[in-house]
Amino acid sequence: MAKTVRQALLDEIYHPINVGLVDNKLIARGLDGDAEYTYDTARSDAWKGALADCLYSLIQAVSLSEADKSVGSLTDEDKKRILKLVNRLYDEIGEDEVDDGIPRVTIIRH
């Protein structure tokens, strides 16, 4: 049996991710999750965009931690590494880079 586009995307991510989110990203990029994953699909802008979108969602996910225990969290190094890959993918397909999604405050003194 051939690998589907959905399964190939899940395989590329390495971290647990909601299949519903993956399906949403595939649809938003015009890909059929049930279609056969092919060489042409792997090289397409739609595929690269869906992969970047899913990886970026990992950075945005809420992490729960208490004392020395963490649940479903990525280290800051993991997030930096993933963000670098996400932005490389977005650059390849001509889309704007993204940041880590952490709000920042700038204080301007007059």
PDB file of N, CA and C in Angstrom:
ATOM      1  N   MET A   1       0.843  -1.179   0.000  1.00  0.00           N
ATOM      2  CA  MET A   1       0.000   0.000   0.000  1.00  0.00           C
ATOM      3  C   MET A   1       0.891   1.247   0.000  1.00  0.00           C
ATOM      4  N   ALA A   2       0.542   2.209  -0.812  1.00  0.00           N
ATOM      5  CA  ALA A   2       1.318   3.437  -0.924  1.00  0.00           C
ATOM      6  C   ALA A   2       1.097   4.327   0.300  1.00  0.00           C
ATOM      7  N   LYS A   3       2.082   5.124   0.595  1.00  0.00           N
ATOM      8  CA  LYS A   3       1.977   6.068   1.703  1.00  0.00           C
ATOM      9  C   LYS A   3       1.113   7.247   1.266  1.00  0.00           C
ATOM     10  N   THR A   4       0.264   7.713   2.171  1.00  0.00           N
ATOM     11  CA  THR A   4      -0.576   8.872   1.867  1.00  0.00           C
ATOM     12  C   THR A   4       0.175  10.169   2.192  1.00  0.00           C
ATOM     13  N   VAL A   5      -0.319  11.255   1.644  1.00  0.00           N
ATOM     14  CA  VAL A   5       0.246  12.575   1.917  1.00  0.00           C
ATOM     15  C   VAL A   5       0.155  12.869   3.413  1.00  0.00           C
ATOM     16  N   ARG A   6      -0.975  12.525   4.033  1.00  0.00           N
ATOM     17  CA  ARG A   6      -1.155  12.749   5.476  1.00  0.00           C
ATOM     18  C   ARG A   6      -0.104  11.993   6.284  1.00  0.00           C
ATOM     19  N   GLN A   7       0.082  10.700   5.973  1.00  0.00           N
ATOM     20  CA  GLN A   7       1.048   9.891   6.716  1.00  0.00           C
ATOM     21  C   GLN A   7       2.463  10.408   6.518  1.00  0.00           C
ATOM     22  N   ALA A   8       2.793  10.817   5.312  1.00  0.00           N
ATOM     23  CA  ALA A   8       4.131  11.355   5.045  1.00  0.00           C
ATOM     24  C   ALA A   8       4.373  12.616   5.871  1.00  0.00           C
ATOM     25  N   LEU A   9       3.365  13.464   5.983  1.00  0.00           N
ATOM     26  CA  LEU A   9       3.508  14.689   6.774  1.00  0.00           C
ATOM     27  C   LEU A   9       3.681  14.354   8.249  1.00  0.00           C
ATOM     28  N   LEU A  10       2.887  13.440   8.760  1.00  0.00           N
ATOM     29  CA  LEU A  10       3.036  13.020  10.155  1.00  0.00           C
ATOM     30  C   LEU A  10       4.422  12.427  10.401  1.00  0.00           C
ATOM     31  N   ASP A  11       4.951  11.670   9.448  1.00  0.00           N
ATOM     32  CA  ASP A  11       6.280  11.070   9.580  1.00  0.00           C
ATOM     33  C   ASP A  11       7.377  12.128   9.620  1.00  0.00           C
ATOM     34  N   GLU A  12       7.197  13.221   8.903  1.00  0.00           N
ATOM     35  CA  GLU A  12       8.212  14.279   8.837  1.00  0.00           C
ATOM     36  C   GLU A  12       8.295  15.106  10.111  1.00  0.00           C
ATOM     37  N   ILE A  13       7.243  15.122  10.900  1.00  0.00           N
ATOM     38  CA  ILE A  13       7.171  16.046  12.035  1.00  0.00           C
ATOM     39  C   ILE A  13       7.929  15.550  13.267  1.00  0.00           C
ATOM     40  N   TYR A  14       8.031  14.260  13.487  1.00  0.00           N
ATOM     41  CA  TYR A  14       8.752  13.644  14.611  1.00  0.00           C
ATOM     42  C   TYR A  14       8.069  13.768  15.965  1.00  0.00           C
ATOM     43  N   HIS A  15       7.315  14.824  16.204  1.00  0.00           N
ATOM     44  CA  HIS A  15       6.666  15.060  17.492  1.00  0.00           C
ATOM     45  C   HIS A  15       5.181  14.738  17.368  1.00  0.00           C
ATOM     46  N   PRO A  16       4.545  14.350  18.459  1.00  0.00           N
ATOM     47  CA  PRO A  16       3.101  14.102  18.410  1.00  0.00           C
ATOM     48  C   PRO A  16       2.356  15.376  17.993  1.00  0.00           C
ATOM     49  N   ILE A  17       1.426  15.227  17.078  1.00  0.00           N
ATOM     50  CA  ILE A  17       0.640  16.365  16.602  1.00  0.00           C
ATOM     51  C   ILE A  17      -0.758  15.862  16.277  1.00  0.00           C
ATOM     52  N   ASN A  18      -1.737  16.690  16.488  1.00  0.00           N
ATOM     53  CA  ASN A  18      -3.128  16.340  16.242  1.00  0.00           C
ATOM     54  C   ASN A  18      -3.361  16.122  14.752  1.00  0.00           C
ATOM     55  N   VAL A  19      -3.942  14.987  14.396  1.00  0.00           N
ATOM     56  CA  VAL A  19      -4.204  14.666  12.988  1.00  0.00           C
ATOM     57  C   VAL A  19      -5.189  15.668  12.385  1.00  0.00           C
ATOM     58  N   GLY A  20      -6.119  16.151  13.181  1.00  0.00           N
ATOM     59  CA  GLY A  20      -7.055  17.160  12.702  1.00  0.00           C
ATOM     60  C   GLY A  20      -6.347  18.432  12.268  1.00  0.00           C
ATOM     61  N   LEU A  21      -5.327  18.833  13.026  1.00  0.00           N
ATOM     62  CA  LEU A  21      -4.539  20.009  12.650  1.00  0.00           C
ATOM     63  C   LEU A  21      -3.803  19.754  11.340  1.00  0.00           C
ATOM     64  N   VAL A  22      -3.233  18.574  11.199  1.00  0.00           N
ATOM     65  CA  VAL A  22      -2.534  18.209   9.963  1.00  0.00           C
ATOM     66  C   VAL A  22      -3.506  18.273   8.784  1.00  0.00           C
ATOM     67  N   ASP A  23      -4.699  17.716   8.959  1.00  0.00           N
ATOM     68  CA  ASP A  23      -5.697  17.759   7.890  1.00  0.00           C
ATOM     69  C   ASP A  23      -6.064  19.199   7.534  1.00  0.00           C
ATOM     70  N   ASN A  24      -6.219  20.049   8.546  1.00  0.00           N
ATOM     71  CA  ASN A  24      -6.537  21.461   8.289  1.00  0.00           C
ATOM     72  C   ASN A  24      -5.453  22.137   7.462  1.00  0.00           C
ATOM     73  N   LYS A  25      -4.199  21.880   7.796  1.00  0.00           N
ATOM     74  CA  LYS A  25      -3.084  22.491   7.069  1.00  0.00           C
ATOM     75  C   LYS A  25      -3.015  21.957   5.637  1.00  0.00           C
ATOM     76  N   LEU A  26      -3.279  20.658   5.464  1.00  0.00           N
ATOM     77  CA  LEU A  26      -3.291  20.082   4.121  1.00  0.00           C
ATOM     78  C   LEU A  26      -4.379  20.726   3.265  1.00  0.00           C
ATOM     79  N   ILE A  27      -5.566  20.859   3.823  1.00  0.00           N
ATOM     80  CA  ILE A  27      -6.671  21.474   3.082  1.00  0.00           C
ATOM     81  C   ILE A  27      -6.342  22.922   2.739  1.00  0.00           C
ATOM     82  N   ALA A  28      -5.800  23.662   3.718  1.00  0.00           N
ATOM     83  CA  ALA A  28      -5.462  25.064   3.480  1.00  0.00           C
ATOM     84  C   ALA A  28      -4.436  25.221   2.355  1.00  0.00           C
ATOM     85  N   ARG A  29      -3.612  24.202   2.167  1.00  0.00           N
ATOM     86  CA  ARG A  29      -2.588  24.248   1.126  1.00  0.00           C
ATOM     87  C   ARG A  29      -3.021  23.546  -0.167  1.00  0.00           C
ATOM     88  N   GLY A  30      -4.276  23.099  -0.195  1.00  0.00           N
ATOM     89  CA  GLY A  30      -4.805  22.480  -1.411  1.00  0.00           C
ATOM     90  C   GLY A  30      -4.325  21.063  -1.651  1.00  0.00           C
ATOM     91  N   LEU A  31      -3.957  20.365  -0.593  1.00  0.00           N
ATOM     92  CA  LEU A  31      -3.485  18.979  -0.708  1.00  0.00           C
ATOM     93  C   LEU A  31      -4.536  18.010  -0.193  1.00  0.00           C
ATOM     94  N   ASP A  32      -4.606  16.852  -0.806  1.00  0.00           N
ATOM     95  CA  ASP A  32      -5.510  15.783  -0.395  1.00  0.00           C
ATOM     96  C   ASP A  32      -4.726  14.814   0.484  1.00  0.00           C
ATOM     97  N   GLY A  33      -5.087  14.749   1.756  1.00  0.00           N
ATOM     98  CA  GLY A  33      -4.375  13.884   2.692  1.00  0.00           C
ATOM     99  C   GLY A  33      -4.416  12.409   2.340  1.00  0.00           C
ATOM    100  N   ASP A  34      -5.441  11.995   1.612  1.00  0.00           N
ATOM    101  CA  ASP A  34      -5.590  10.586   1.240  1.00  0.00           C
ATOM    102  C   ASP A  34      -4.886  10.243  -0.074  1.00  0.00           C
ATOM    103  N   ALA A  35      -4.372  11.248  -0.762  1.00  0.00           N
ATOM    104  CA  ALA A  35      -3.684  11.005  -2.034  1.00  0.00           C
ATOM    105  C   ALA A  35      -2.352  10.308  -1.778  1.00  0.00           C
ATOM    106  N   GLU A  36      -1.841   9.656  -2.799  1.00  0.00           N
ATOM    107  CA  GLU A  36      -0.546   8.985  -2.695  1.00  0.00           C
ATOM    108  C   GLU A  36       0.569  10.032  -2.616  1.00  0.00           C
ATOM    109  N   TYR A  37       1.485   9.813  -1.699  1.00  0.00           N
ATOM    110  CA  TYR A  37       2.646  10.691  -1.548  1.00  0.00           C
ATOM    111  C   TYR A  37       3.650  10.342  -2.642  1.00  0.00           C
ATOM    112  N   THR A  38       3.989  11.330  -3.457  1.00  0.00           N
ATOM    113  CA  THR A  38       4.869  11.093  -4.600  1.00  0.00           C
ATOM    114  C   THR A  38       6.056  12.048  -4.575  1.00  0.00           C
ATOM    115  N   TYR A  39       6.990  11.807  -5.464  1.00  0.00           N
ATOM    116  CA  TYR A  39       8.149  12.678  -5.624  1.00  0.00           C
ATOM    117  C   TYR A  39       7.699  14.104  -5.936  1.00  0.00           C
ATOM    118  N   ASP A  40       6.743  14.235  -6.832  1.00  0.00           N
ATOM    119  CA  ASP A  40       6.259  15.569  -7.204  1.00  0.00           C
ATOM    120  C   ASP A  40       5.616  16.284  -6.015  1.00  0.00           C
ATOM    121  N   THR A  41       4.867  15.546  -5.212  1.00  0.00           N
ATOM    122  CA  THR A  41       4.266  16.136  -4.011  1.00  0.00           C
ATOM    123  C   THR A  41       5.355  16.623  -3.060  1.00  0.00           C
ATOM    124  N   ALA A  42       6.369  15.812  -2.856  1.00  0.00           N
ATOM    125  CA  ALA A  42       7.452  16.147  -1.923  1.00  0.00           C
ATOM    126  C   ALA A  42       8.209  17.403  -2.338  1.00  0.00           C
ATOM    127  N   ARG A  43       8.216  17.710  -3.622  1.00  0.00           N
ATOM    128  CA  ARG A  43       8.931  18.878  -4.133  1.00  0.00           C
ATOM    129  C   ARG A  43       8.034  20.100  -4.299  1.00  0.00           C
ATOM    130  N   SER A  44       6.743  19.950  -4.022  1.00  0.00           N
ATOM    131  CA  SER A  44       5.788  21.034  -4.286  1.00  0.00           C
ATOM    132  C   SER A  44       5.807  22.107  -3.190  1.00  0.00           C
ATOM    133  N   ASP A  45       5.457  23.327  -3.599  1.00  0.00           N
ATOM    134  CA  ASP A  45       5.342  24.427  -2.645  1.00  0.00           C
ATOM    135  C   ASP A  45       4.239  24.151  -1.623  1.00  0.00           C
ATOM    136  N   ALA A  46       3.157  23.526  -2.076  1.00  0.00           N
ATOM    137  CA  ALA A  46       2.049  23.220  -1.162  1.00  0.00           C
ATOM    138  C   ALA A  46       2.510  22.287  -0.043  1.00  0.00           C
ATOM    139  N   TRP A  47       3.296  21.268  -0.392  1.00  0.00           N
ATOM    140  CA  TRP A  47       3.822  20.323   0.605  1.00  0.00           C
ATOM    141  C   TRP A  47       4.743  21.043   1.585  1.00  0.00           C
ATOM    142  N   LYS A  48       5.684  21.816   1.048  1.00  0.00           N
ATOM    143  CA  LYS A  48       6.626  22.533   1.910  1.00  0.00           C
ATOM    144  C   LYS A  48       5.889  23.498   2.834  1.00  0.00           C
ATOM    145  N   GLY A  49       4.854  24.149   2.315  1.00  0.00           N
ATOM    146  CA  GLY A  49       4.064  25.058   3.137  1.00  0.00           C
ATOM    147  C   GLY A  49       3.313  24.329   4.237  1.00  0.00           C
ATOM    148  N   ALA A  50       2.709  23.203   3.914  1.00  0.00           N
ATOM    149  CA  ALA A  50       1.985  22.420   4.923  1.00  0.00           C
ATOM    150  C   ALA A  50       2.936  21.905   5.999  1.00  0.00           C
ATOM    151  N   LEU A  51       4.115  21.454   5.590  1.00  0.00           N
ATOM    152  CA  LEU A  51       5.114  20.995   6.558  1.00  0.00           C
ATOM    153  C   LEU A  51       5.541  22.134   7.470  1.00  0.00           C
ATOM    154  N   ALA A  52       5.830  23.286   6.886  1.00  0.00           N
ATOM    155  CA  ALA A  52       6.227  24.456   7.688  1.00  0.00           C
ATOM    156  C   ALA A  52       5.106  24.853   8.643  1.00  0.00           C
ATOM    157  N   ASP A  53       3.867  24.865   8.155  1.00  0.00           N
ATOM    158  CA  ASP A  53       2.728  25.230   9.000  1.00  0.00           C
ATOM    159  C   ASP A  53       2.597  24.300  10.202  1.00  0.00           C
ATOM    160  N   CYS A  54       2.737  22.996   9.966  1.00  0.00           N
ATOM    161  CA  CYS A  54       2.616  22.019  11.051  1.00  0.00           C
ATOM    162  C   CYS A  54       3.770  22.145  12.050  1.00  0.00           C
ATOM    163  N   LEU A  55       4.978  22.316  11.539  1.00  0.00           N
ATOM    164  CA  LEU A  55       6.129  22.491  12.433  1.00  0.00           C
ATOM    165  C   LEU A  55       5.980  23.753  13.268  1.00  0.00           C
ATOM    166  N   TYR A  56       5.500  24.823  12.633  1.00  0.00           N
ATOM    167  CA  TYR A  56       5.313  26.079  13.358  1.00  0.00           C
ATOM    168  C   TYR A  56       4.279  25.924  14.477  1.00  0.00           C
ATOM    169  N   SER A  57       3.278  25.080  14.247  1.00  0.00           N
ATOM    170  CA  SER A  57       2.269  24.862  15.282  1.00  0.00           C
ATOM    171  C   SER A  57       2.877  24.224  16.527  1.00  0.00           C
ATOM    172  N   LEU A  58       3.956  23.447  16.358  1.00  0.00           N
ATOM    173  CA  LEU A  58       4.634  22.858  17.524  1.00  0.00           C
ATOM    174  C   LEU A  58       5.234  23.944  18.414  1.00  0.00           C
ATOM    175  N   ILE A  59       5.776  24.980  17.792  1.00  0.00           N
ATOM    176  CA  ILE A  59       6.385  26.081  18.542  1.00  0.00           C
ATOM    177  C   ILE A  59       5.309  26.852  19.301  1.00  0.00           C
ATOM    178  N   GLN A  60       4.149  26.970  18.707  1.00  0.00           N
ATOM    179  CA  GLN A  60       3.064  27.748  19.300  1.00  0.00           C
ATOM    180  C   GLN A  60       2.288  26.980  20.360  1.00  0.00           C
ATOM    181  N   ALA A  61       2.496  25.670  20.445  1.00  0.00           N
ATOM    182  CA  ALA A  61       1.739  24.844  21.386  1.00  0.00           C
ATOM    183  C   ALA A  61       2.044  25.242  22.830  1.00  0.00           C
ATOM    184  N   VAL A  62       1.038  25.130  23.655  1.00  0.00           N
ATOM    185  CA  VAL A  62       1.177  25.441  25.072  1.00  0.00           C
ATOM    186  C   VAL A  62       1.963  24.332  25.754  1.00  0.00           C
ATOM    187  N   SER A  63       2.909  24.724  26.570  1.00  0.00           N
ATOM    188  CA  SER A  63       3.694  23.758  27.340  1.00  0.00           C
ATOM    189  C   SER A  63       3.295  23.853  28.801  1.00  0.00           C
ATOM    190  N   LEU A  64       3.195  22.708  29.441  1.00  0.00           N
ATOM    191  CA  LEU A  64       2.887  22.661  30.861  1.00  0.00           C
ATOM    192  C   LEU A  64       4.108  22.139  31.601  1.00  0.00           C
ATOM    193  N   SER A  65       4.515  22.873  32.628  1.00  0.00           N
ATOM    194  CA  SER A  65       5.647  22.394  33.418  1.00  0.00           C
ATOM    195  C   SER A  65       5.463  22.783  34.871  1.00  0.00           C
ATOM    196  N   GLU A  66       5.969  21.928  35.723  1.00  0.00           N
ATOM    197  CA  GLU A  66       5.940  22.177  37.150  1.00  0.00           C
ATOM    198  C   GLU A  66       7.190  21.546  37.740  1.00  0.00           C
ATOM    199  N   ALA A  67       7.909  22.341  38.503  1.00  0.00           N
ATOM    200  CA  ALA A  67       9.185  21.915  39.075  1.00  0.00           C
ATOM    201  C   ALA A  67      10.091  21.409  37.960  1.00  0.00           C
ATOM    202  N   ASP A  68      10.486  20.153  38.018  1.00  0.00           N
ATOM    203  CA  ASP A  68      11.396  19.629  36.996  1.00  0.00           C
ATOM    204  C   ASP A  68      10.692  18.732  35.986  1.00  0.00           C
ATOM    205  N   LYS A  69       9.362  18.727  35.985  1.00  0.00           N
ATOM    206  CA  LYS A  69       8.588  17.886  35.068  1.00  0.00           C
ATOM    207  C   LYS A  69       7.960  18.743  33.971  1.00  0.00           C
ATOM    208  N   SER A  70       8.057  18.278  32.736  1.00  0.00           N
ATOM    209  CA  SER A  70       7.439  18.967  31.615  1.00  0.00           C
ATOM    210  C   SER A  70       6.543  18.005  30.855  1.00  0.00           C
ATOM    211  N   VAL A  71       5.432  18.530  30.353  1.00  0.00           N
ATOM    212  CA  VAL A  71       4.504  17.726  29.574  1.00  0.00           C
ATOM    213  C   VAL A  71       4.383  18.338  28.183  1.00  0.00           C
ATOM    214  N   GLY A  72       4.792  17.576  27.182  1.00  0.00           N
ATOM    215  CA  GLY A  72       4.615  18.009  25.806  1.00  0.00           C
ATOM    216  C   GLY A  72       5.354  19.269  25.436  1.00  0.00           C
ATOM    217  N   SER A  73       6.452  19.541  26.109  1.00  0.00           N
ATOM    218  CA  SER A  73       7.135  20.799  25.829  1.00  0.00           C
ATOM    219  C   SER A  73       8.418  20.557  25.043  1.00  0.00           C
ATOM    220  N   LEU A  74       8.776  21.573  24.286  1.00  0.00           N
ATOM    221  CA  LEU A  74      10.042  21.571  23.556  1.00  0.00           C
ATOM    222  C   LEU A  74      11.003  22.471  24.308  1.00  0.00           C
ATOM    223  N   THR A  75      12.261  22.153  24.263  1.00  0.00           N
ATOM    224  CA  THR A  75      13.256  23.034  24.861  1.00  0.00           C
ATOM    225  C   THR A  75      13.387  24.274  23.989  1.00  0.00           C
ATOM    226  N   ASP A  76      13.991  25.313  24.539  1.00  0.00           N
ATOM    227  CA  ASP A  76      14.234  26.529  23.758  1.00  0.00           C
ATOM    228  C   ASP A  76      15.111  26.221  22.548  1.00  0.00           C
ATOM    229  N   GLU A  77      16.072  25.319  22.715  1.00  0.00           N
ATOM    230  CA  GLU A  77      16.933  24.918  21.588  1.00  0.00           C
ATOM    231  C   GLU A  77      16.130  24.214  20.508  1.00  0.00           C
ATOM    232  N   ASP A  78      15.215  23.326  20.926  1.00  0.00           N
ATOM    233  CA  ASP A  78      14.346  22.644  19.967  1.00  0.00           C
ATOM    234  C   ASP A  78      13.535  23.664  19.171  1.00  0.00           C
ATOM    235  N   LYS A  79      12.967  24.640  19.878  1.00  0.00           N
ATOM    236  CA  LYS A  79      12.144  25.657  19.220  1.00  0.00           C
ATOM    237  C   LYS A  79      12.966  26.469  18.227  1.00  0.00           C
ATOM    238  N   LYS A  80      14.177  26.831  18.594  1.00  0.00           N
ATOM    239  CA  LYS A  80      15.043  27.592  17.686  1.00  0.00           C
ATOM    240  C   LYS A  80      15.367  26.776  16.437  1.00  0.00           C
ATOM    241  N   ARG A  81      15.661  25.509  16.631  1.00  0.00           N
ATOM    242  CA  ARG A  81      15.995  24.620  15.511  1.00  0.00           C
ATOM    243  C   ARG A  81      14.799  24.453  14.581  1.00  0.00           C
ATOM    244  N   ILE A  82      13.630  24.249  15.156  1.00  0.00           N
ATOM    245  CA  ILE A  82      12.423  24.089  14.354  1.00  0.00           C
ATOM    246  C   ILE A  82      12.086  25.387  13.626  1.00  0.00           C
ATOM    247  N   LEU A  83      12.204  26.512  14.318  1.00  0.00           N
ATOM    248  CA  LEU A  83      11.905  27.807  13.703  1.00  0.00           C
ATOM    249  C   LEU A  83      12.829  28.081  12.522  1.00  0.00           C
ATOM    250  N   LYS A  84      14.079  27.701  12.648  1.00  0.00           N
ATOM    251  CA  LYS A  84      15.031  27.874  11.541  1.00  0.00           C
ATOM    252  C   LYS A  84      14.583  27.061  10.323  1.00  0.00           C
ATOM    253  N   LEU A  85      14.166  25.824  10.545  1.00  0.00           N
ATOM    254  CA  LEU A  85      13.674  24.974   9.459  1.00  0.00           C
ATOM    255  C   LEU A  85      12.399  25.551   8.859  1.00  0.00           C
ATOM    256  N   VAL A  86      11.471  25.989   9.704  1.00  0.00           N
ATOM    257  CA  VAL A  86      10.210  26.577   9.246  1.00  0.00           C
ATOM    258  C   VAL A  86      10.494  27.760   8.324  1.00  0.00           C
ATOM    259  N   ASN A  87      11.368  28.651   8.744  1.00  0.00           N
ATOM    260  CA  ASN A  87      11.657  29.833   7.944  1.00  0.00           C
ATOM    261  C   ASN A  87      12.410  29.492   6.657  1.00  0.00           C
ATOM    262  N   ARG A  88      13.227  28.454   6.680  1.00  0.00           N
ATOM    263  CA  ARG A  88      13.889  28.019   5.446  1.00  0.00           C
ATOM    264  C   ARG A  88      12.843  27.528   4.444  1.00  0.00           C
ATOM    265  N   LEU A  89      11.874  26.759   4.931  1.00  0.00           N
ATOM    266  CA  LEU A  89      10.806  26.260   4.065  1.00  0.00           C
ATOM    267  C   LEU A  89       9.971  27.415   3.510  1.00  0.00           C
ATOM    268  N   TYR A  90       9.594  28.361   4.385  1.00  0.00           N
ATOM    269  CA  TYR A  90       8.814  29.508   3.910  1.00  0.00           C
ATOM    270  C   TYR A  90       9.608  30.324   2.888  1.00  0.00           C
ATOM    271  N   ASP A  91      10.905  30.499   3.125  1.00  0.00           N
ATOM    272  CA  ASP A  91      11.751  31.214   2.158  1.00  0.00           C
ATOM    273  C   ASP A  91      11.757  30.510   0.800  1.00  0.00           C
ATOM    274  N   GLU A  92      11.871  29.191   0.812  1.00  0.00           N
ATOM    275  CA  GLU A  92      11.909  28.409  -0.432  1.00  0.00           C
ATOM    276  C   GLU A  92      10.659  28.604  -1.275  1.00  0.00           C
ATOM    277  N   ILE A  93       9.523  28.832  -0.615  1.00  0.00           N
ATOM    278  CA  ILE A  93       8.277  28.968  -1.369  1.00  0.00           C
ATOM    279  C   ILE A  93       7.826  30.428  -1.486  1.00  0.00           C
ATOM    280  N   GLY A  94       8.702  31.350  -1.077  1.00  0.00           N
ATOM    281  CA  GLY A  94       8.421  32.766  -1.258  1.00  0.00           C
ATOM    282  C   GLY A  94       7.445  33.371  -0.267  1.00  0.00           C
ATOM    283  N   GLU A  95       7.319  32.763   0.899  1.00  0.00           N
ATOM    284  CA  GLU A  95       6.426  33.301   1.928  1.00  0.00           C
ATOM    285  C   GLU A  95       7.242  33.996   3.012  1.00  0.00           C
ATOM    286  N   ASP A  96       6.582  34.875   3.758  1.00  0.00           N
ATOM    287  CA  ASP A  96       7.244  35.630   4.817  1.00  0.00           C
ATOM    288  C   ASP A  96       7.691  34.722   5.952  1.00  0.00           C
ATOM    289  N   GLU A  97       8.817  35.087   6.542  1.00  0.00           N
ATOM    290  CA  GLU A  97       9.297  34.369   7.714  1.00  0.00           C
ATOM    291  C   GLU A  97       8.402  34.674   8.902  1.00  0.00           C
ATOM    292  N   VAL A  98       8.459  33.799   9.895  1.00  0.00           N
ATOM    293  CA  VAL A  98       7.681  33.953  11.122  1.00  0.00           C
ATOM    294  C   VAL A  98       8.640  34.016  12.301  1.00  0.00           C
ATOM    295  N   ASP A  99       8.113  34.497  13.442  1.00  0.00           N
ATOM    296  CA  ASP A  99       8.940  34.504  14.645  1.00  0.00           C
ATOM    297  C   ASP A  99       8.432  33.435  15.600  1.00  0.00           C
ATOM    298  N   ASP A 100       8.937  33.442  16.804  1.00  0.00           N
ATOM    299  CA  ASP A 100       8.576  32.387  17.750  1.00  0.00           C
ATOM    300  C   ASP A 100       7.203  32.578  18.383  1.00  0.00           C
ATOM    301  N   GLY A 101       6.535  33.682  18.060  1.00  0.00           N
ATOM    302  CA  GLY A 101       5.187  33.908  18.566  1.00  0.00           C
ATOM    303  C   GLY A 101       5.120  34.424  19.984  1.00  0.00           C
ATOM    304  N   ILE A 102       6.264  34.690  20.583  1.00  0.00           N
ATOM    305  CA  ILE A 102       6.287  35.200  21.950  1.00  0.00           C
ATOM    306  C   ILE A 102       6.116  36.716  21.900  1.00  0.00           C
ATOM    307  N   PRO A 103       5.080  37.236  22.563  1.00  0.00           N
ATOM    308  CA  PRO A 103       4.875  38.692  22.549  1.00  0.00           C
ATOM    309  C   PRO A 103       6.060  39.413  23.196  1.00  0.00           C
ATOM    310  N   ARG A 104       6.417  40.527  22.622  1.00  0.00           N
ATOM    311  CA  ARG A 104       7.512  41.323  23.148  1.00  0.00           C
ATOM    312  C   ARG A 104       7.019  42.735  23.410  1.00  0.00           C
ATOM    313  N   VAL A 105       7.567  43.353  24.439  1.00  0.00           N
ATOM    314  CA  VAL A 105       7.220  44.721  24.786  1.00  0.00           C
ATOM    315  C   VAL A 105       8.445  45.581  24.586  1.00  0.00           C
ATOM    316  N   THR A 106       8.258  46.689  23.882  1.00  0.00           N
ATOM    317  CA  THR A 106       9.345  47.635  23.691  1.00  0.00           C
ATOM    318  C   THR A 106       8.958  48.914  24.425  1.00  0.00           C
ATOM    319  N   ILE A 107       9.823  49.372  25.297  1.00  0.00           N
ATOM    320  CA  ILE A 107       9.571  50.601  26.028  1.00  0.00           C
ATOM    321  C   ILE A 107      10.328  51.726  25.343  1.00  0.00           C
ATOM    322  N   ILE A 108       9.561  52.742  24.950  1.00  0.00           N
ATOM    323  CA  ILE A 108      10.154  53.904  24.266  1.00  0.00           C
ATOM    324  C   ILE A 108       9.999  55.098  25.178  1.00  0.00           C
ATOM    325  N   ARG A 109      11.105  55.714  25.476  1.00  0.00           N
ATOM    326  CA  ARG A 109      11.093  56.891  26.337  1.00  0.00           C
ATOM    327  C   ARG A 109      11.167  58.137  25.468  1.00  0.00           C
ATOM    328  N   HIS A 110      10.307  59.086  25.761  1.00  0.00           N
ATOM    329  CA  HIS A 110      10.282  60.340  25.001  1.00  0.00           C
ATOM    330  C   HIS A 110      10.973  61.432  25.759  1.00  0.00           C
TER     331      HIS A 110
END
